Amino acid sequence: MEFVQLGIGRWIHILAGIMWIGLLYYFNFVQVDALKAAQADGTAAGITKHVAPRALLYFRWAAVVTWLAGANLLGKHFFDAFFFLDRAFVPIGVGAWLGTIMLFNVWVLIWPNQKKILGLTQATDEEKNRARRVAFLASRTNTMLSIPMIFFMVASGGVLRTAFFG
């Protein structure tokens, strides 16, 4: 039964992570440039009114599910990994910390500022310009952190399997 739970938990973690990082890359590599072009020809409303809010919904909740599923996978070894108490868990611990920083960026920096940018929260033009910069920098930071995060999560390989099944 534990093997089945570990397998299902791992798949939830992987699928949510694919959604989270996929949307992160969409925002940074597709939507930013598409929105500039759409604003130039006056068609940006479709993106800002319909696409971006929905994509941000999936983006932020995929981040939460990914983090919670990862913490659940670590189970009793969460503190060993997160606080580097056991050398075997250092790679997954580094990945967990990078994911935690990214989760923080999503909920504390990106989402509140995107609400201003998209007009979901009242903001002056000056506040919107500042929000654009903060959201942009946090999103680009997450894009850069995603590369080592994925590396360390993959590099941890069989650590969980070994920890649970010997």
N, C-alpha and C. Protein backbone atom coordinates (compact mmCIF):
# COMPACT_ATOMS: atom_id res chain seq x y z
N MET A 1 0.82 -1.20 0.00
CA MET A 1 0.00 0.00 0.00
C MET A 1 0.87 1.26 0.00
N GLU A 2 1.96 1.25 0.79
CA GLU A 2 2.85 2.41 0.84
C GLU A 2 3.46 2.68 -0.52
N PHE A 3 3.80 1.62 -1.25
CA PHE A 3 4.37 1.77 -2.59
C PHE A 3 3.37 2.44 -3.51
N VAL A 4 2.10 2.07 -3.42
CA VAL A 4 1.06 2.67 -4.26
C VAL A 4 0.91 4.14 -3.91
N GLN A 5 0.88 4.47 -2.61
CA GLN A 5 0.76 5.86 -2.19
C GLN A 5 1.95 6.68 -2.67
N LEU A 6 3.15 6.12 -2.55
CA LEU A 6 4.35 6.80 -3.02
C LEU A 6 4.27 7.03 -4.54
N GLY A 7 3.81 6.02 -5.27
CA GLY A 7 3.69 6.14 -6.72
C GLY A 7 2.67 7.18 -7.13
N ILE A 8 1.51 7.16 -6.50
CA ILE A 8 0.46 8.15 -6.82
C ILE A 8 0.92 9.55 -6.41
N GLY A 9 1.51 9.65 -5.22
CA GLY A 9 2.00 10.95 -4.76
C GLY A 9 3.07 11.51 -5.68
N ARG A 10 3.92 10.64 -6.15
CA ARG A 10 4.98 11.07 -7.07
C ARG A 10 4.39 11.57 -8.38
N TRP A 11 3.39 10.86 -8.90
CA TRP A 11 2.75 11.30 -10.14
C TRP A 11 2.01 12.62 -9.96
N ILE A 12 1.36 12.81 -8.83
CA ILE A 12 0.70 14.09 -8.56
C ILE A 12 1.75 15.20 -8.54
N HIS A 13 2.86 14.93 -7.84
CA HIS A 13 3.95 15.91 -7.76
C HIS A 13 4.49 16.24 -9.16
N ILE A 14 4.73 15.23 -9.96
CA ILE A 14 5.27 15.43 -11.31
C ILE A 14 4.28 16.17 -12.21
N LEU A 15 3.03 15.74 -12.22
CA LEU A 15 2.05 16.38 -13.11
C LEU A 15 1.77 17.82 -12.71
N ALA A 16 1.63 18.08 -11.42
CA ALA A 16 1.43 19.46 -10.96
C ALA A 16 2.66 20.30 -11.29
N GLY A 17 3.85 19.71 -11.11
CA GLY A 17 5.08 20.42 -11.44
C GLY A 17 5.18 20.76 -12.91
N ILE A 18 4.76 19.83 -13.77
CA ILE A 18 4.76 20.11 -15.21
C ILE A 18 3.83 21.28 -15.52
N MET A 19 2.67 21.28 -14.89
CA MET A 19 1.73 22.39 -15.12
C MET A 19 2.33 23.71 -14.63
N TRP A 20 2.89 23.69 -13.42
CA TRP A 20 3.46 24.90 -12.83
C TRP A 20 4.60 25.45 -13.69
N ILE A 21 5.59 24.62 -13.98
CA ILE A 21 6.75 25.09 -14.73
C ILE A 21 6.37 25.37 -16.19
N GLY A 22 5.46 24.57 -16.74
CA GLY A 22 4.99 24.83 -18.11
C GLY A 22 4.34 26.20 -18.23
N LEU A 23 3.49 26.55 -17.26
CA LEU A 23 2.86 27.87 -17.28
C LEU A 23 3.89 28.97 -17.02
N LEU A 24 4.84 28.71 -16.14
CA LEU A 24 5.91 29.68 -15.90
C LEU A 24 6.64 29.98 -17.20
N TYR A 25 6.98 28.94 -17.96
CA TYR A 25 7.68 29.14 -19.23
C TYR A 25 6.76 29.81 -20.25
N TYR A 26 5.48 29.45 -20.25
CA TYR A 26 4.51 30.11 -21.14
C TYR A 26 4.50 31.62 -20.87
N PHE A 27 4.37 31.99 -19.60
CA PHE A 27 4.33 33.42 -19.27
C PHE A 27 5.60 34.13 -19.73
N ASN A 28 6.76 33.54 -19.46
CA ASN A 28 8.03 34.20 -19.73
C ASN A 28 8.45 34.17 -21.19
N PHE A 29 8.13 33.10 -21.90
CA PHE A 29 8.62 32.97 -23.26
C PHE A 29 7.56 33.22 -24.34
N VAL A 30 6.29 33.17 -23.98
CA VAL A 30 5.23 33.34 -24.98
C VAL A 30 4.38 34.57 -24.69
N GLN A 31 3.76 34.61 -23.51
CA GLN A 31 2.77 35.65 -23.24
C GLN A 31 3.37 37.06 -23.21
N VAL A 32 4.55 37.23 -22.64
CA VAL A 32 5.14 38.57 -22.54
C VAL A 32 5.25 39.22 -23.92
N ASP A 33 5.85 38.51 -24.86
CA ASP A 33 6.00 39.06 -26.21
C ASP A 33 4.66 39.15 -26.94
N ALA A 34 3.80 38.16 -26.75
CA ALA A 34 2.49 38.19 -27.39
C ALA A 34 1.66 39.36 -26.88
N LEU A 35 1.76 39.64 -25.60
CA LEU A 35 1.00 40.76 -25.02
C LEU A 35 1.50 42.10 -25.56
N LYS A 36 2.81 42.23 -25.73
CA LYS A 36 3.35 43.46 -26.33
C LYS A 36 2.80 43.67 -27.74
N ALA A 37 2.79 42.60 -28.53
CA ALA A 37 2.26 42.70 -29.89
C ALA A 37 0.76 42.98 -29.88
N ALA A 38 0.04 42.34 -28.98
CA ALA A 38 -1.41 42.53 -28.90
C ALA A 38 -1.76 43.95 -28.44
N GLN A 39 -0.95 44.49 -27.54
CA GLN A 39 -1.19 45.88 -27.11
C GLN A 39 -0.93 46.85 -28.25
N ALA A 40 0.06 46.56 -29.08
CA ALA A 40 0.39 47.43 -30.21
C ALA A 40 -0.75 47.49 -31.22
N ASP A 41 -1.47 46.38 -31.42
CA ASP A 41 -2.57 46.41 -32.39
C ASP A 41 -3.95 46.48 -31.74
N GLY A 42 -3.97 46.70 -30.42
CA GLY A 42 -5.24 46.92 -29.72
C GLY A 42 -6.05 45.67 -29.43
N THR A 43 -5.44 44.50 -29.47
CA THR A 43 -6.18 43.26 -29.23
C THR A 43 -5.80 42.57 -27.92
N ALA A 44 -5.16 43.30 -27.02
CA ALA A 44 -4.66 42.71 -25.77
C ALA A 44 -5.77 42.29 -24.81
N ALA A 45 -6.94 42.86 -24.95
CA ALA A 45 -8.02 42.57 -24.00
C ALA A 45 -8.34 41.08 -23.92
N GLY A 46 -8.27 40.37 -25.03
CA GLY A 46 -8.54 38.93 -25.01
C GLY A 46 -7.56 38.19 -24.11
N ILE A 47 -6.31 38.60 -24.14
CA ILE A 47 -5.30 37.96 -23.30
C ILE A 47 -5.47 38.38 -21.85
N THR A 48 -5.56 39.68 -21.60
CA THR A 48 -5.61 40.17 -20.22
C THR A 48 -6.92 39.88 -19.52
N LYS A 49 -7.99 39.76 -20.28
CA LYS A 49 -9.30 39.52 -19.67
C LYS A 49 -9.63 38.04 -19.55
N HIS A 50 -9.21 37.23 -20.52
CA HIS A 50 -9.64 35.83 -20.53
C HIS A 50 -8.53 34.82 -20.30
N VAL A 51 -7.38 35.02 -20.93
CA VAL A 51 -6.31 34.02 -20.85
C VAL A 51 -5.49 34.16 -19.56
N ALA A 52 -4.95 35.35 -19.32
CA ALA A 52 -4.04 35.54 -18.19
C ALA A 52 -4.66 35.19 -16.84
N PRO A 53 -5.87 35.66 -16.53
CA PRO A 53 -6.42 35.31 -15.21
C PRO A 53 -6.60 33.80 -15.02
N ARG A 54 -7.04 33.12 -16.06
CA ARG A 54 -7.23 31.67 -15.96
C ARG A 54 -5.88 30.95 -15.85
N ALA A 55 -4.92 31.37 -16.66
CA ALA A 55 -3.59 30.76 -16.59
C ALA A 55 -2.95 31.01 -15.22
N LEU A 56 -3.14 32.20 -14.66
CA LEU A 56 -2.60 32.51 -13.33
C LEU A 56 -3.27 31.68 -12.24
N LEU A 57 -4.54 31.37 -12.41
CA LEU A 57 -5.24 30.51 -11.45
C LEU A 57 -4.59 29.13 -11.42
N TYR A 58 -4.43 28.53 -12.59
CA TYR A 58 -3.80 27.21 -12.66
C TYR A 58 -2.34 27.28 -12.21
N PHE A 59 -1.66 28.36 -12.56
CA PHE A 59 -0.26 28.54 -12.21
C PHE A 59 -0.05 28.54 -10.69
N ARG A 60 -0.82 29.36 -9.99
CA ARG A 60 -0.58 29.47 -8.54
C ARG A 60 -1.03 28.23 -7.79
N TRP A 61 -2.11 27.59 -8.22
CA TRP A 61 -2.55 26.38 -7.51
C TRP A 61 -1.71 25.16 -7.88
N ALA A 62 -1.18 25.13 -9.09
CA ALA A 62 -0.23 24.06 -9.44
C ALA A 62 1.02 24.18 -8.58
N ALA A 63 1.43 25.41 -8.27
CA ALA A 63 2.58 25.62 -7.39
C ALA A 63 2.30 25.04 -6.00
N VAL A 64 1.12 25.29 -5.47
CA VAL A 64 0.77 24.77 -4.14
C VAL A 64 0.71 23.25 -4.15
N VAL A 65 0.04 22.68 -5.14
CA VAL A 65 -0.08 21.22 -5.21
C VAL A 65 1.29 20.57 -5.37
N THR A 66 2.14 21.17 -6.21
CA THR A 66 3.49 20.63 -6.39
C THR A 66 4.25 20.63 -5.07
N TRP A 67 4.21 21.74 -4.36
CA TRP A 67 4.95 21.85 -3.10
C TRP A 67 4.40 20.88 -2.07
N LEU A 68 3.07 20.84 -1.91
CA LEU A 68 2.47 19.94 -0.91
C LEU A 68 2.72 18.47 -1.25
N ALA A 69 2.63 18.13 -2.53
CA ALA A 69 2.88 16.74 -2.93
C ALA A 69 4.34 16.38 -2.68
N GLY A 70 5.24 17.32 -2.94
CA GLY A 70 6.66 17.06 -2.67
C GLY A 70 6.92 16.89 -1.19
N ALA A 71 6.33 17.75 -0.37
CA ALA A 71 6.48 17.62 1.09
C ALA A 71 5.91 16.29 1.57
N ASN A 72 4.78 15.90 0.99
CA ASN A 72 4.15 14.63 1.35
C ASN A 72 5.05 13.45 0.96
N LEU A 73 5.69 13.54 -0.19
CA LEU A 73 6.60 12.48 -0.62
C LEU A 73 7.77 12.32 0.36
N LEU A 74 8.25 13.43 0.87
CA LEU A 74 9.35 13.37 1.83
C LEU A 74 8.90 12.75 3.16
N GLY A 75 7.62 12.95 3.48
CA GLY A 75 7.05 12.34 4.68
C GLY A 75 7.90 12.58 5.91
N LYS A 76 8.28 11.49 6.59
CA LYS A 76 9.05 11.59 7.83
C LYS A 76 10.45 12.13 7.59
N HIS A 77 10.87 12.21 6.33
CA HIS A 77 12.21 12.72 6.00
C HIS A 77 12.17 14.20 5.60
N PHE A 78 11.01 14.83 5.77
CA PHE A 78 10.88 16.24 5.38
C PHE A 78 11.94 17.10 6.06
N PHE A 79 12.07 17.00 7.37
CA PHE A 79 13.04 17.82 8.10
C PHE A 79 14.48 17.45 7.74
N ASP A 80 14.73 16.16 7.49
CA ASP A 80 16.07 15.73 7.07
C ASP A 80 16.47 16.43 5.77
N ALA A 81 15.52 16.52 4.84
CA ALA A 81 15.80 17.15 3.55
C ALA A 81 15.81 18.66 3.66
N PHE A 82 14.78 19.21 4.27
CA PHE A 82 14.58 20.66 4.28
C PHE A 82 15.66 21.38 5.09
N PHE A 83 16.14 20.73 6.13
CA PHE A 83 17.16 21.36 6.98
C PHE A 83 18.52 20.68 6.85
N PHE A 84 18.69 19.87 5.79
CA PHE A 84 19.97 19.24 5.47
C PHE A 84 20.55 18.45 6.65
N LEU A 85 19.69 17.70 7.34
CA LEU A 85 20.11 16.94 8.51
C LEU A 85 20.74 15.61 8.14
N ASP A 86 20.52 15.14 6.91
CA ASP A 86 21.06 13.86 6.46
C ASP A 86 21.65 14.10 5.07
N ARG A 87 22.92 13.77 4.90
CA ARG A 87 23.61 14.02 3.62
C ARG A 87 22.88 13.41 2.43
N ALA A 88 22.24 12.29 2.65
CA ALA A 88 21.55 11.62 1.54
C ALA A 88 20.42 12.48 0.98
N PHE A 89 19.89 13.37 1.81
CA PHE A 89 18.75 14.19 1.40
C PHE A 89 19.13 15.61 0.97
N VAL A 90 20.41 15.91 0.88
CA VAL A 90 20.83 17.25 0.51
C VAL A 90 20.35 17.64 -0.90
N PRO A 91 20.52 16.80 -1.92
CA PRO A 91 20.04 17.22 -3.25
C PRO A 91 18.53 17.52 -3.26
N ILE A 92 17.74 16.66 -2.69
CA ILE A 92 16.30 16.91 -2.68
C ILE A 92 15.97 18.10 -1.79
N GLY A 93 16.78 18.32 -0.75
CA GLY A 93 16.60 19.49 0.11
C GLY A 93 16.85 20.78 -0.63
N VAL A 94 17.89 20.80 -1.46
CA VAL A 94 18.17 21.99 -2.27
C VAL A 94 17.00 22.24 -3.23
N GLY A 95 16.53 21.17 -3.88
CA GLY A 95 15.37 21.30 -4.76
C GLY A 95 14.14 21.79 -4.02
N ALA A 96 13.96 21.30 -2.79
CA ALA A 96 12.80 21.72 -1.98
C ALA A 96 12.91 23.21 -1.61
N TRP A 97 14.09 23.65 -1.28
CA TRP A 97 14.27 25.06 -0.95
C TRP A 97 14.04 25.95 -2.18
N LEU A 98 14.55 25.54 -3.32
CA LEU A 98 14.32 26.32 -4.53
C LEU A 98 12.83 26.38 -4.85
N GLY A 99 12.14 25.24 -4.71
CA GLY A 99 10.70 25.22 -4.92
C GLY A 99 9.96 26.09 -3.93
N THR A 100 10.43 26.14 -2.69
CA THR A 100 9.80 26.97 -1.67
C THR A 100 9.97 28.45 -1.99
N ILE A 101 11.16 28.83 -2.42
CA ILE A 101 11.39 30.22 -2.83
C ILE A 101 10.48 30.58 -4.00
N MET A 102 10.37 29.66 -4.95
CA MET A 102 9.52 29.90 -6.12
C MET A 102 8.05 30.01 -5.72
N LEU A 103 7.60 29.15 -4.80
CA LEU A 103 6.22 29.22 -4.31
C LEU A 103 5.97 30.57 -3.65
N PHE A 104 6.90 31.02 -2.82
CA PHE A 104 6.81 32.34 -2.19
C PHE A 104 6.67 33.42 -3.26
N ASN A 105 7.53 33.37 -4.27
CA ASN A 105 7.47 34.37 -5.34
C ASN A 105 6.10 34.38 -6.03
N VAL A 106 5.54 33.21 -6.27
CA VAL A 106 4.24 33.12 -6.93
C VAL A 106 3.16 33.82 -6.11
N TRP A 107 3.07 33.48 -4.83
CA TRP A 107 1.96 33.95 -4.00
C TRP A 107 2.18 35.34 -3.40
N VAL A 108 3.43 35.72 -3.15
CA VAL A 108 3.69 36.99 -2.46
C VAL A 108 4.11 38.10 -3.42
N LEU A 109 4.75 37.76 -4.51
CA LEU A 109 5.23 38.79 -5.44
C LEU A 109 4.47 38.80 -6.77
N ILE A 110 4.32 37.66 -7.39
CA ILE A 110 3.72 37.62 -8.73
C ILE A 110 2.21 37.85 -8.68
N TRP A 111 1.48 37.04 -7.93
CA TRP A 111 0.02 37.12 -7.93
C TRP A 111 -0.52 38.47 -7.47
N PRO A 112 -0.10 39.02 -6.33
CA PRO A 112 -0.65 40.33 -5.93
C PRO A 112 -0.37 41.43 -6.97
N ASN A 113 0.78 41.38 -7.60
CA ASN A 113 1.10 42.39 -8.61
C ASN A 113 0.37 42.15 -9.91
N GLN A 114 0.16 40.89 -10.28
CA GLN A 114 -0.62 40.60 -11.49
C GLN A 114 -2.07 41.07 -11.33
N LYS A 115 -2.61 40.98 -10.13
CA LYS A 115 -3.98 41.47 -9.91
C LYS A 115 -4.07 42.96 -10.21
N LYS A 116 -3.04 43.71 -9.87
CA LYS A 116 -3.02 45.15 -10.18
C LYS A 116 -2.89 45.36 -11.69
N ILE A 117 -1.98 44.62 -12.30
CA ILE A 117 -1.71 44.77 -13.74
C ILE A 117 -2.97 44.45 -14.56
N LEU A 118 -3.67 43.39 -14.17
CA LEU A 118 -4.85 42.95 -14.93
C LEU A 118 -6.13 43.71 -14.56
N GLY A 119 -6.03 44.61 -13.59
CA GLY A 119 -7.20 45.39 -13.19
C GLY A 119 -8.15 44.64 -12.27
N LEU A 120 -7.69 43.55 -11.68
CA LEU A 120 -8.52 42.81 -10.73
C LEU A 120 -8.53 43.49 -9.36
N THR A 121 -7.53 44.34 -9.14
CA THR A 121 -7.41 45.16 -7.93
C THR A 121 -7.16 46.59 -8.40
N GLN A 122 -7.78 47.55 -7.73
CA GLN A 122 -7.58 48.95 -8.09
C GLN A 122 -6.12 49.34 -7.89
N ALA A 123 -5.57 50.07 -8.85
CA ALA A 123 -4.20 50.57 -8.75
C ALA A 123 -4.04 51.76 -9.69
N THR A 124 -3.21 52.69 -9.26
CA THR A 124 -2.90 53.84 -10.11
C THR A 124 -1.94 53.37 -11.22
N ASP A 125 -1.74 54.22 -12.21
CA ASP A 125 -0.80 53.89 -13.28
C ASP A 125 0.60 53.67 -12.72
N GLU A 126 0.99 54.50 -11.76
CA GLU A 126 2.31 54.35 -11.14
C GLU A 126 2.41 53.00 -10.41
N GLU A 127 1.36 52.63 -9.69
CA GLU A 127 1.35 51.34 -8.98
C GLU A 127 1.39 50.17 -9.98
N LYS A 128 0.69 50.32 -11.10
CA LYS A 128 0.70 49.27 -12.12
C LYS A 128 2.09 49.12 -12.73
N ASN A 129 2.76 50.23 -13.00
CA ASN A 129 4.11 50.17 -13.56
C ASN A 129 5.08 49.50 -12.59
N ARG A 130 4.97 49.83 -11.31
CA ARG A 130 5.82 49.19 -10.30
C ARG A 130 5.47 47.71 -10.19
N ALA A 131 4.18 47.39 -10.25
CA ALA A 131 3.72 45.99 -10.18
C ALA A 131 4.25 45.19 -11.37
N ARG A 132 4.27 45.80 -12.56
CA ARG A 132 4.81 45.12 -13.74
C ARG A 132 6.27 44.73 -13.51
N ARG A 133 7.03 45.65 -12.96
CA ARG A 133 8.46 45.39 -12.74
C ARG A 133 8.67 44.29 -11.71
N VAL A 134 7.95 44.36 -10.60
CA VAL A 134 8.10 43.35 -9.54
C VAL A 134 7.67 41.98 -10.05
N ALA A 135 6.52 41.90 -10.71
CA ALA A 135 6.03 40.62 -11.24
C ALA A 135 7.00 40.06 -12.27
N PHE A 136 7.49 40.93 -13.14
CA PHE A 136 8.46 40.52 -14.16
C PHE A 136 9.72 39.93 -13.53
N LEU A 137 10.29 40.65 -12.56
CA LEU A 137 11.53 40.19 -11.93
C LEU A 137 11.32 38.89 -11.15
N ALA A 138 10.20 38.78 -10.44
CA ALA A 138 9.91 37.55 -9.69
C ALA A 138 9.70 36.38 -10.64
N SER A 139 9.02 36.62 -11.75
CA SER A 139 8.77 35.56 -12.71
C SER A 139 10.06 35.13 -13.40
N ARG A 140 10.90 36.07 -13.76
CA ARG A 140 12.18 35.72 -14.38
C ARG A 140 13.09 35.01 -13.37
N THR A 141 13.03 35.42 -12.11
CA THR A 141 13.79 34.73 -11.06
C THR A 141 13.33 33.28 -10.97
N ASN A 142 12.02 33.07 -10.97
CA ASN A 142 11.50 31.70 -10.92
C ASN A 142 11.93 30.88 -12.13
N THR A 143 11.96 31.51 -13.29
CA THR A 143 12.39 30.81 -14.50
C THR A 143 13.84 30.34 -14.33
N MET A 144 14.69 31.21 -13.81
CA MET A 144 16.09 30.84 -13.62
C MET A 144 16.24 29.79 -12.51
N LEU A 145 15.46 29.90 -11.43
CA LEU A 145 15.53 28.92 -10.34
C LEU A 145 14.98 27.56 -10.75
N SER A 146 14.09 27.55 -11.74
CA SER A 146 13.47 26.28 -12.14
C SER A 146 14.50 25.30 -12.70
N ILE A 147 15.54 25.81 -13.31
CA ILE A 147 16.55 24.94 -13.93
C ILE A 147 17.32 24.16 -12.86
N PRO A 148 17.93 24.83 -11.88
CA PRO A 148 18.59 24.04 -10.84
C PRO A 148 17.61 23.25 -9.97
N MET A 149 16.39 23.77 -9.79
CA MET A 149 15.40 23.03 -9.00
C MET A 149 15.12 21.67 -9.64
N ILE A 150 14.88 21.67 -10.93
CA ILE A 150 14.61 20.42 -11.64
C ILE A 150 15.85 19.52 -11.58
N PHE A 151 17.03 20.10 -11.74
CA PHE A 151 18.26 19.31 -11.66
C PHE A 151 18.36 18.60 -10.31
N PHE A 152 18.19 19.33 -9.21
CA PHE A 152 18.35 18.74 -7.89
C PHE A 152 17.26 17.72 -7.57
N MET A 153 16.07 17.95 -8.09
CA MET A 153 15.01 16.98 -7.84
C MET A 153 15.29 15.69 -8.60
N VAL A 154 15.77 15.80 -9.82
CA VAL A 154 16.10 14.61 -10.59
C VAL A 154 17.36 13.95 -10.02
N ALA A 155 18.33 14.77 -9.59
CA ALA A 155 19.58 14.24 -9.05
C ALA A 155 19.37 13.43 -7.78
N SER A 156 18.26 13.68 -7.10
CA SER A 156 17.99 12.94 -5.86
C SER A 156 17.61 11.49 -6.18
N GLY A 157 17.28 11.23 -7.42
CA GLY A 157 17.00 9.88 -7.92
C GLY A 157 16.27 8.96 -6.99
N GLY A 158 16.97 7.94 -6.51
CA GLY A 158 16.34 6.90 -5.71
C GLY A 158 16.36 7.15 -4.22
N VAL A 159 16.65 8.39 -3.77
CA VAL A 159 16.73 8.65 -2.34
C VAL A 159 15.43 8.27 -1.63
N LEU A 160 14.30 8.69 -2.17
CA LEU A 160 13.02 8.37 -1.51
C LEU A 160 12.73 6.88 -1.57
N ARG A 161 12.99 6.29 -2.70
CA ARG A 161 12.74 4.85 -2.84
C ARG A 161 13.57 4.08 -1.82
N THR A 162 14.84 4.46 -1.69
CA THR A 162 15.74 3.82 -0.74
C THR A 162 15.28 4.07 0.69
N ALA A 163 14.87 5.30 0.99
CA ALA A 163 14.44 5.64 2.34
C ALA A 163 13.22 4.85 2.76
N PHE A 164 12.33 4.59 1.81
CA PHE A 164 11.08 3.90 2.16
C PHE A 164 11.17 2.38 2.02
N PHE A 165 11.99 1.92 1.10
CA PHE A 165 11.97 0.48 0.80
C PHE A 165 13.30 -0.22 0.97
N GLY A 166 14.32 0.50 1.47
CA GLY A 166 15.60 -0.13 1.79
C GLY A 166 16.44 -0.48 0.65
